[in-house]
Amino acid sequence: LILLALIAACAQTAEPEVEAPETETDTRALIVDRCSGCHSSDLVFEADYTTEAEWADLIDRMVDKGADVSPEEKELMVEYLVAQQ
């Protein structure tokens, strides 16, 4: 019984969840982290996009090029970037 309980407990181990940024500063840091691997984050913050669709399309293109951005992170990033305009 003990062995069965240990096996069941180990089988329920899941990947750790990524915590969502809680503040604008956290979201900005997320953007810097996800984008600065390939180019300066200034390029992002100085971009001339204003709508959710424009930012979403841009992030999709970056993901196609290898950026590691989850759908949840993309949503947070788009909301933040639109609000900064």
PDB file of N, CA and C in Angstrom:
ATOM      1  N   LEU A   1       0.805  -1.193   0.000  1.00  0.00           N
ATOM      2  CA  LEU A   1       0.000   0.000   0.000  1.00  0.00           C
ATOM      3  C   LEU A   1       0.855   1.267   0.000  1.00  0.00           C
ATOM      4  N   ILE A   2       1.922   1.257   0.766  1.00  0.00           N
ATOM      5  CA  ILE A   2       2.796   2.428   0.816  1.00  0.00           C
ATOM      6  C   ILE A   2       3.428   2.679  -0.549  1.00  0.00           C
ATOM      7  N   LEU A   3       3.891   1.618  -1.185  1.00  0.00           N
ATOM      8  CA  LEU A   3       4.494   1.739  -2.505  1.00  0.00           C
ATOM      9  C   LEU A   3       3.481   2.282  -3.512  1.00  0.00           C
ATOM     10  N   LEU A   4       2.269   1.790  -3.451  1.00  0.00           N
ATOM     11  CA  LEU A   4       1.218   2.260  -4.347  1.00  0.00           C
ATOM     12  C   LEU A   4       0.935   3.752  -4.112  1.00  0.00           C
ATOM     13  N   ALA A   5       0.922   4.177  -2.875  1.00  0.00           N
ATOM     14  CA  ALA A   5       0.693   5.584  -2.548  1.00  0.00           C
ATOM     15  C   ALA A   5       1.827   6.457  -3.075  1.00  0.00           C
ATOM     16  N   LEU A   6       3.063   5.987  -2.965  1.00  0.00           N
ATOM     17  CA  LEU A   6       4.208   6.742  -3.480  1.00  0.00           C
ATOM     18  C   LEU A   6       4.157   6.859  -5.002  1.00  0.00           C
ATOM     19  N   ILE A   7       3.802   5.777  -5.651  1.00  0.00           N
ATOM     20  CA  ILE A   7       3.696   5.794  -7.111  1.00  0.00           C
ATOM     21  C   ILE A   7       2.604   6.763  -7.546  1.00  0.00           C
ATOM     22  N   ALA A   8       1.479   6.747  -6.870  1.00  0.00           N
ATOM     23  CA  ALA A   8       0.382   7.652  -7.206  1.00  0.00           C
ATOM     24  C   ALA A   8       0.779   9.109  -6.979  1.00  0.00           C
ATOM     25  N   ALA A   9       1.499   9.381  -5.903  1.00  0.00           N
ATOM     26  CA  ALA A   9       1.935  10.750  -5.613  1.00  0.00           C
ATOM     27  C   ALA A   9       2.913  11.247  -6.668  1.00  0.00           C
ATOM     28  N   CYS A  10       3.820  10.404  -7.099  1.00  0.00           N
ATOM     29  CA  CYS A  10       4.795  10.796  -8.117  1.00  0.00           C
ATOM     30  C   CYS A  10       4.129  10.994  -9.472  1.00  0.00           C
ATOM     31  N   ALA A  11       3.129  10.218  -9.768  1.00  0.00           N
ATOM     32  CA  ALA A  11       2.445  10.319 -11.056  1.00  0.00           C
ATOM     33  C   ALA A  11       1.679  11.632 -11.173  1.00  0.00           C
ATOM     34  N   GLN A  12       1.344  12.245 -10.061  1.00  0.00           N
ATOM     35  CA  GLN A  12       0.580  13.482 -10.083  1.00  0.00           C
ATOM     36  C   GLN A  12       1.471  14.716 -10.162  1.00  0.00           C
ATOM     37  N   THR A  13       2.780  14.528 -10.206  1.00  0.00           N
ATOM     38  CA  THR A  13       3.695  15.651 -10.299  1.00  0.00           C
ATOM     39  C   THR A  13       3.531  16.306 -11.660  1.00  0.00           C
ATOM     40  N   ALA A  14       3.279  17.590 -11.660  1.00  0.00           N
ATOM     41  CA  ALA A  14       3.066  18.331 -12.905  1.00  0.00           C
ATOM     42  C   ALA A  14       4.169  19.361 -13.072  1.00  0.00           C
ATOM     43  N   GLU A  15       4.248  19.902 -14.283  1.00  0.00           N
ATOM     44  CA  GLU A  15       5.209  20.965 -14.541  1.00  0.00           C
ATOM     45  C   GLU A  15       4.818  22.172 -13.705  1.00  0.00           C
ATOM     46  N   PRO A  16       5.805  22.890 -13.200  1.00  0.00           N
ATOM     47  CA  PRO A  16       5.465  24.083 -12.419  1.00  0.00           C
ATOM     48  C   PRO A  16       4.822  25.138 -13.312  1.00  0.00           C
ATOM     49  N   GLU A  17       3.830  25.811 -12.765  1.00  0.00           N
ATOM     50  CA  GLU A  17       3.156  26.853 -13.521  1.00  0.00           C
ATOM     51  C   GLU A  17       4.003  28.117 -13.494  1.00  0.00           C
ATOM     52  N   VAL A  18       4.007  28.826 -14.602  1.00  0.00           N
ATOM     53  CA  VAL A  18       4.710  30.096 -14.676  1.00  0.00           C
ATOM     54  C   VAL A  18       3.792  31.154 -14.093  1.00  0.00           C
ATOM     55  N   GLU A  19       4.316  31.903 -13.138  1.00  0.00           N
ATOM     56  CA  GLU A  19       3.497  32.937 -12.513  1.00  0.00           C
ATOM     57  C   GLU A  19       3.344  34.124 -13.460  1.00  0.00           C
ATOM     58  N   ALA A  20       2.131  34.612 -13.551  1.00  0.00           N
ATOM     59  CA  ALA A  20       1.851  35.767 -14.390  1.00  0.00           C
ATOM     60  C   ALA A  20       2.393  37.021 -13.709  1.00  0.00           C
ATOM     61  N   PRO A  21       2.895  37.945 -14.501  1.00  0.00           N
ATOM     62  CA  PRO A  21       3.348  39.206 -13.912  1.00  0.00           C
ATOM     63  C   PRO A  21       2.200  39.886 -13.165  1.00  0.00           C
ATOM     64  N   GLU A  22       2.507  40.484 -12.025  1.00  0.00           N
ATOM     65  CA  GLU A  22       1.475  41.107 -11.203  1.00  0.00           C
ATOM     66  C   GLU A  22       1.393  42.613 -11.399  1.00  0.00           C
ATOM     67  N   THR A  23       2.448  43.223 -11.907  1.00  0.00           N
ATOM     68  CA  THR A  23       2.450  44.674 -12.060  1.00  0.00           C
ATOM     69  C   THR A  23       2.935  45.050 -13.452  1.00  0.00           C
ATOM     70  N   GLU A  24       2.783  46.323 -13.780  1.00  0.00           N
ATOM     71  CA  GLU A  24       3.293  46.811 -15.060  1.00  0.00           C
ATOM     72  C   GLU A  24       4.798  46.605 -15.148  1.00  0.00           C
ATOM     73  N   THR A  25       5.496  46.799 -14.023  1.00  0.00           N
ATOM     74  CA  THR A  25       6.943  46.607 -14.006  1.00  0.00           C
ATOM     75  C   THR A  25       7.281  45.156 -14.324  1.00  0.00           C
ATOM     76  N   ASP A  26       6.511  44.224 -13.785  1.00  0.00           N
ATOM     77  CA  ASP A  26       6.730  42.805 -14.074  1.00  0.00           C
ATOM     78  C   ASP A  26       6.475  42.502 -15.543  1.00  0.00           C
ATOM     79  N   THR A  27       5.453  43.106 -16.116  1.00  0.00           N
ATOM     80  CA  THR A  27       5.140  42.874 -17.527  1.00  0.00           C
ATOM     81  C   THR A  27       6.235  43.467 -18.403  1.00  0.00           C
ATOM     82  N   ARG A  28       6.719  44.643 -18.052  1.00  0.00           N
ATOM     83  CA  ARG A  28       7.831  45.235 -18.800  1.00  0.00           C
ATOM     84  C   ARG A  28       9.056  44.321 -18.729  1.00  0.00           C
ATOM     85  N   ALA A  29       9.335  43.781 -17.556  1.00  0.00           N
ATOM     86  CA  ALA A  29      10.469  42.863 -17.392  1.00  0.00           C
ATOM     87  C   ALA A  29      10.263  41.601 -18.232  1.00  0.00           C
ATOM     88  N   LEU A  30       9.032  41.115 -18.312  1.00  0.00           N
ATOM     89  CA  LEU A  30       8.717  39.958 -19.149  1.00  0.00           C
ATOM     90  C   LEU A  30       9.041  40.265 -20.606  1.00  0.00           C
ATOM     91  N   ILE A  31       8.637  41.450 -21.071  1.00  0.00           N
ATOM     92  CA  ILE A  31       8.896  41.844 -22.452  1.00  0.00           C
ATOM     93  C   ILE A  31      10.407  41.917 -22.705  1.00  0.00           C
ATOM     94  N   VAL A  32      11.126  42.533 -21.786  1.00  0.00           N
ATOM     95  CA  VAL A  32      12.578  42.625 -21.927  1.00  0.00           C
ATOM     96  C   VAL A  32      13.176  41.230 -21.988  1.00  0.00           C
ATOM     97  N   ASP A  33      12.737  40.347 -21.108  1.00  0.00           N
ATOM     98  CA  ASP A  33      13.264  38.981 -21.066  1.00  0.00           C
ATOM     99  C   ASP A  33      12.997  38.220 -22.361  1.00  0.00           C
ATOM    100  N   ARG A  34      11.774  38.307 -22.858  1.00  0.00           N
ATOM    101  CA  ARG A  34      11.390  37.518 -24.030  1.00  0.00           C
ATOM    102  C   ARG A  34      11.920  38.093 -25.345  1.00  0.00           C
ATOM    103  N   CYS A  35      12.149  39.402 -25.385  1.00  0.00           N
ATOM    104  CA  CYS A  35      12.509  40.048 -26.656  1.00  0.00           C
ATOM    105  C   CYS A  35      13.993  40.348 -26.803  1.00  0.00           C
ATOM    106  N   SER A  36      14.688  40.585 -25.693  1.00  0.00           N
ATOM    107  CA  SER A  36      16.068  41.043 -25.790  1.00  0.00           C
ATOM    108  C   SER A  36      17.059  39.944 -26.140  1.00  0.00           C
ATOM    109  N   GLY A  37      16.606  38.723 -26.267  1.00  0.00           N
ATOM    110  CA  GLY A  37      17.501  37.654 -26.700  1.00  0.00           C
ATOM    111  C   GLY A  37      17.926  37.813 -28.144  1.00  0.00           C
ATOM    112  N   CYS A  38      17.095  38.488 -28.933  1.00  0.00           N
ATOM    113  CA  CYS A  38      17.382  38.647 -30.362  1.00  0.00           C
ATOM    114  C   CYS A  38      17.675  40.090 -30.757  1.00  0.00           C
ATOM    115  N   HIS A  39      17.146  41.046 -30.010  1.00  0.00           N
ATOM    116  CA  HIS A  39      17.358  42.453 -30.345  1.00  0.00           C
ATOM    117  C   HIS A  39      17.163  43.294 -29.093  1.00  0.00           C
ATOM    118  N   SER A  40      17.510  44.536 -29.182  1.00  0.00           N
ATOM    119  CA  SER A  40      17.359  45.451 -28.060  1.00  0.00           C
ATOM    120  C   SER A  40      15.884  45.596 -27.697  1.00  0.00           C
ATOM    121  N   SER A  41      15.598  45.606 -26.418  1.00  0.00           N
ATOM    122  CA  SER A  41      14.213  45.813 -26.002  1.00  0.00           C
ATOM    123  C   SER A  41      13.755  47.232 -26.318  1.00  0.00           C
ATOM    124  N   ASP A  42      14.702  48.154 -26.503  1.00  0.00           N
ATOM    125  CA  ASP A  42      14.333  49.514 -26.919  1.00  0.00           C
ATOM    126  C   ASP A  42      13.596  49.488 -28.252  1.00  0.00           C
ATOM    127  N   LEU A  43      13.959  48.548 -29.104  1.00  0.00           N
ATOM    128  CA  LEU A  43      13.282  48.404 -30.392  1.00  0.00           C
ATOM    129  C   LEU A  43      11.792  48.153 -30.177  1.00  0.00           C
ATOM    130  N   VAL A  44      11.460  47.381 -29.153  1.00  0.00           N
ATOM    131  CA  VAL A  44      10.057  47.095 -28.844  1.00  0.00           C
ATOM    132  C   VAL A  44       9.367  48.340 -28.298  1.00  0.00           C
ATOM    133  N   PHE A  45       9.978  48.961 -27.300  1.00  0.00           N
ATOM    134  CA  PHE A  45       9.330  50.082 -26.620  1.00  0.00           C
ATOM    135  C   PHE A  45       9.260  51.348 -27.471  1.00  0.00           C
ATOM    136  N   GLU A  46      10.069  51.423 -28.512  1.00  0.00           N
ATOM    137  CA  GLU A  46      10.041  52.586 -29.402  1.00  0.00           C
ATOM    138  C   GLU A  46       9.277  52.307 -30.697  1.00  0.00           C
ATOM    139  N   ALA A  47       8.727  51.098 -30.827  1.00  0.00           N
ATOM    140  CA  ALA A  47       7.991  50.733 -32.042  1.00  0.00           C
ATOM    141  C   ALA A  47       6.747  51.600 -32.202  1.00  0.00           C
ATOM    142  N   ASP A  48       6.318  51.732 -33.440  1.00  0.00           N
ATOM    143  CA  ASP A  48       5.212  52.626 -33.766  1.00  0.00           C
ATOM    144  C   ASP A  48       3.895  51.865 -33.971  1.00  0.00           C
ATOM    145  N   TYR A  49       3.658  50.835 -33.181  1.00  0.00           N
ATOM    146  CA  TYR A  49       2.403  50.095 -33.252  1.00  0.00           C
ATOM    147  C   TYR A  49       1.444  50.668 -32.221  1.00  0.00           C
ATOM    148  N   THR A  50       0.145  50.696 -32.558  1.00  0.00           N
ATOM    149  CA  THR A  50      -0.809  51.298 -31.630  1.00  0.00           C
ATOM    150  C   THR A  50      -1.985  50.395 -31.284  1.00  0.00           C
ATOM    151  N   THR A  51      -2.266  49.390 -32.101  1.00  0.00           N
ATOM    152  CA  THR A  51      -3.457  48.568 -31.859  1.00  0.00           C
ATOM    153  C   THR A  51      -3.081  47.181 -31.356  1.00  0.00           C
ATOM    154  N   GLU A  52      -4.064  46.539 -30.747  1.00  0.00           N
ATOM    155  CA  GLU A  52      -3.857  45.163 -30.293  1.00  0.00           C
ATOM    156  C   GLU A  52      -3.506  44.250 -31.457  1.00  0.00           C
ATOM    157  N   ALA A  53      -4.178  44.431 -32.583  1.00  0.00           N
ATOM    158  CA  ALA A  53      -3.929  43.575 -33.751  1.00  0.00           C
ATOM    159  C   ALA A  53      -2.495  43.720 -34.249  1.00  0.00           C
ATOM    160  N   GLU A  54      -1.998  44.957 -34.290  1.00  0.00           N
ATOM    161  CA  GLU A  54      -0.618  45.172 -34.749  1.00  0.00           C
ATOM    162  C   GLU A  54       0.387  44.501 -33.828  1.00  0.00           C
ATOM    163  N   TRP A  55       0.213  44.683 -32.525  1.00  0.00           N
ATOM    164  CA  TRP A  55       1.138  44.065 -31.576  1.00  0.00           C
ATOM    165  C   TRP A  55       1.023  42.539 -31.606  1.00  0.00           C
ATOM    166  N   ALA A  56      -0.202  42.034 -31.671  1.00  0.00           N
ATOM    167  CA  ALA A  56      -0.399  40.580 -31.706  1.00  0.00           C
ATOM    168  C   ALA A  56       0.257  39.975 -32.944  1.00  0.00           C
ATOM    169  N   ASP A  57       0.101  40.632 -34.092  1.00  0.00           N
ATOM    170  CA  ASP A  57       0.738  40.143 -35.324  1.00  0.00           C
ATOM    171  C   ASP A  57       2.254  40.152 -35.198  1.00  0.00           C
ATOM    172  N   LEU A  58       2.788  41.226 -34.628  1.00  0.00           N
ATOM    173  CA  LEU A  58       4.234  41.317 -34.449  1.00  0.00           C
ATOM    174  C   LEU A  58       4.746  40.193 -33.544  1.00  0.00           C
ATOM    175  N   ILE A  59       4.079  39.984 -32.431  1.00  0.00           N
ATOM    176  CA  ILE A  59       4.508  38.931 -31.506  1.00  0.00           C
ATOM    177  C   ILE A  59       4.385  37.565 -32.172  1.00  0.00           C
ATOM    178  N   ASP A  60       3.330  37.345 -32.929  1.00  0.00           N
ATOM    179  CA  ASP A  60       3.196  36.072 -33.660  1.00  0.00           C
ATOM    180  C   ASP A  60       4.369  35.859 -34.618  1.00  0.00           C
ATOM    181  N   ARG A  61       4.789  36.926 -35.300  1.00  0.00           N
ATOM    182  CA  ARG A  61       5.937  36.812 -36.211  1.00  0.00           C
ATOM    183  C   ARG A  61       7.206  36.478 -35.440  1.00  0.00           C
ATOM    184  N   MET A  62       7.374  37.064 -34.270  1.00  0.00           N
ATOM    185  CA  MET A  62       8.557  36.788 -33.456  1.00  0.00           C
ATOM    186  C   MET A  62       8.526  35.348 -32.924  1.00  0.00           C
ATOM    187  N   VAL A  63       7.352  34.873 -32.554  1.00  0.00           N
ATOM    188  CA  VAL A  63       7.215  33.474 -32.110  1.00  0.00           C
ATOM    189  C   VAL A  63       7.578  32.534 -33.264  1.00  0.00           C
ATOM    190  N   ASP A  64       7.137  32.878 -34.483  1.00  0.00           N
ATOM    191  CA  ASP A  64       7.489  32.067 -35.657  1.00  0.00           C
ATOM    192  C   ASP A  64       8.998  32.028 -35.873  1.00  0.00           C
ATOM    193  N   LYS A  65       9.694  33.069 -35.412  1.00  0.00           N
ATOM    194  CA  LYS A  65      11.154  33.132 -35.558  1.00  0.00           C
ATOM    195  C   LYS A  65      11.872  32.512 -34.358  1.00  0.00           C
ATOM    196  N   GLY A  66      11.100  32.032 -33.378  1.00  0.00           N
ATOM    197  CA  GLY A  66      11.713  31.331 -32.256  1.00  0.00           C
ATOM    198  C   GLY A  66      11.544  31.956 -30.891  1.00  0.00           C
ATOM    199  N   ALA A  67      10.851  33.082 -30.793  1.00  0.00           N
ATOM    200  CA  ALA A  67      10.634  33.697 -29.472  1.00  0.00           C
ATOM    201  C   ALA A  67       9.800  32.758 -28.600  1.00  0.00           C
ATOM    202  N   ASP A  68      10.185  32.652 -27.350  1.00  0.00           N
ATOM    203  CA  ASP A  68       9.509  31.767 -26.395  1.00  0.00           C
ATOM    204  C   ASP A  68       8.475  32.577 -25.621  1.00  0.00           C
ATOM    205  N   VAL A  69       7.280  32.668 -26.191  1.00  0.00           N
ATOM    206  CA  VAL A  69       6.195  33.447 -25.583  1.00  0.00           C
ATOM    207  C   VAL A  69       4.937  32.581 -25.562  1.00  0.00           C
ATOM    208  N   SER A  70       4.398  32.353 -24.374  1.00  0.00           N
ATOM    209  CA  SER A  70       3.165  31.584 -24.244  1.00  0.00           C
ATOM    210  C   SER A  70       1.977  32.449 -24.659  1.00  0.00           C
ATOM    211  N   PRO A  71       0.838  31.831 -24.961  1.00  0.00           N
ATOM    212  CA  PRO A  71      -0.358  32.622 -25.287  1.00  0.00           C
ATOM    213  C   PRO A  71      -0.750  33.589 -24.164  1.00  0.00           C
ATOM    214  N   GLU A  72      -0.587  33.166 -22.919  1.00  0.00           N
ATOM    215  CA  GLU A  72      -0.922  34.029 -21.788  1.00  0.00           C
ATOM    216  C   GLU A  72       0.026  35.213 -21.714  1.00  0.00           C
ATOM    217  N   GLU A  73       1.318  34.945 -21.932  1.00  0.00           N
ATOM    218  CA  GLU A  73       2.303  36.019 -21.919  1.00  0.00           C
ATOM    219  C   GLU A  73       2.045  36.996 -23.061  1.00  0.00           C
ATOM    220  N   LYS A  74       1.702  36.463 -24.231  1.00  0.00           N
ATOM    221  CA  LYS A  74       1.404  37.316 -25.383  1.00  0.00           C
ATOM    222  C   LYS A  74       0.272  38.276 -25.032  1.00  0.00           C
ATOM    223  N   GLU A  75      -0.770  37.769 -24.413  1.00  0.00           N
ATOM    224  CA  GLU A  75      -1.916  38.604 -24.046  1.00  0.00           C
ATOM    225  C   GLU A  75      -1.499  39.734 -23.108  1.00  0.00           C
ATOM    226  N   LEU A  76      -0.700  39.400 -22.095  1.00  0.00           N
ATOM    227  CA  LEU A  76      -0.222  40.404 -21.159  1.00  0.00           C
ATOM    228  C   LEU A  76       0.657  41.434 -21.859  1.00  0.00           C
ATOM    229  N   MET A  77       1.523  40.961 -22.732  1.00  0.00           N
ATOM    230  CA  MET A  77       2.435  41.854 -23.449  1.00  0.00           C
ATOM    231  C   MET A  77       1.652  42.816 -24.353  1.00  0.00           C
ATOM    232  N   VAL A  78       0.689  42.290 -25.074  1.00  0.00           N
ATOM    233  CA  VAL A  78      -0.117  43.132 -25.972  1.00  0.00           C
ATOM    234  C   VAL A  78      -0.864  44.185 -25.159  1.00  0.00           C
ATOM    235  N   GLU A  79      -1.505  43.786 -24.073  1.00  0.00           N
ATOM    236  CA  GLU A  79      -2.240  44.740 -23.236  1.00  0.00           C
ATOM    237  C   GLU A  79      -1.314  45.855 -22.744  1.00  0.00           C
ATOM    238  N   TYR A  80      -0.142  45.475 -22.280  1.00  0.00           N
ATOM    239  CA  TYR A  80       0.817  46.445 -21.767  1.00  0.00           C
ATOM    240  C   TYR A  80       1.265  47.397 -22.865  1.00  0.00           C
ATOM    241  N   LEU A  81       1.646  46.846 -24.012  1.00  0.00           N
ATOM    242  CA  LEU A  81       2.185  47.668 -25.095  1.00  0.00           C
ATOM    243  C   LEU A  81       1.147  48.634 -25.663  1.00  0.00           C
ATOM    244  N   VAL A  82      -0.092  48.185 -25.779  1.00  0.00           N
ATOM    245  CA  VAL A  82      -1.159  49.075 -26.262  1.00  0.00           C
ATOM    246  C   VAL A  82      -1.385  50.203 -25.254  1.00  0.00           C
ATOM    247  N   ALA A  83      -1.363  49.887 -23.984  1.00  0.00           N
ATOM    248  CA  ALA A  83      -1.594  50.889 -22.947  1.00  0.00           C
ATOM    249  C   ALA A  83      -0.486  51.943 -22.895  1.00  0.00           C
ATOM    250  N   GLN A  84       0.693  51.609 -23.389  1.00  0.00           N
ATOM    251  CA  GLN A  84       1.825  52.536 -23.352  1.00  0.00           C
ATOM    252  C   GLN A  84       1.771  53.564 -24.477  1.00  0.00           C
ATOM    253  N   GLN A  85       0.901  53.375 -25.440  1.00  0.00           N
ATOM    254  CA  GLN A  85       0.812  54.280 -26.603  1.00  0.00           C
ATOM    255  C   GLN A  85       0.085  55.547 -26.268  1.00  0.00           C
TER     256      GLN A  85
END
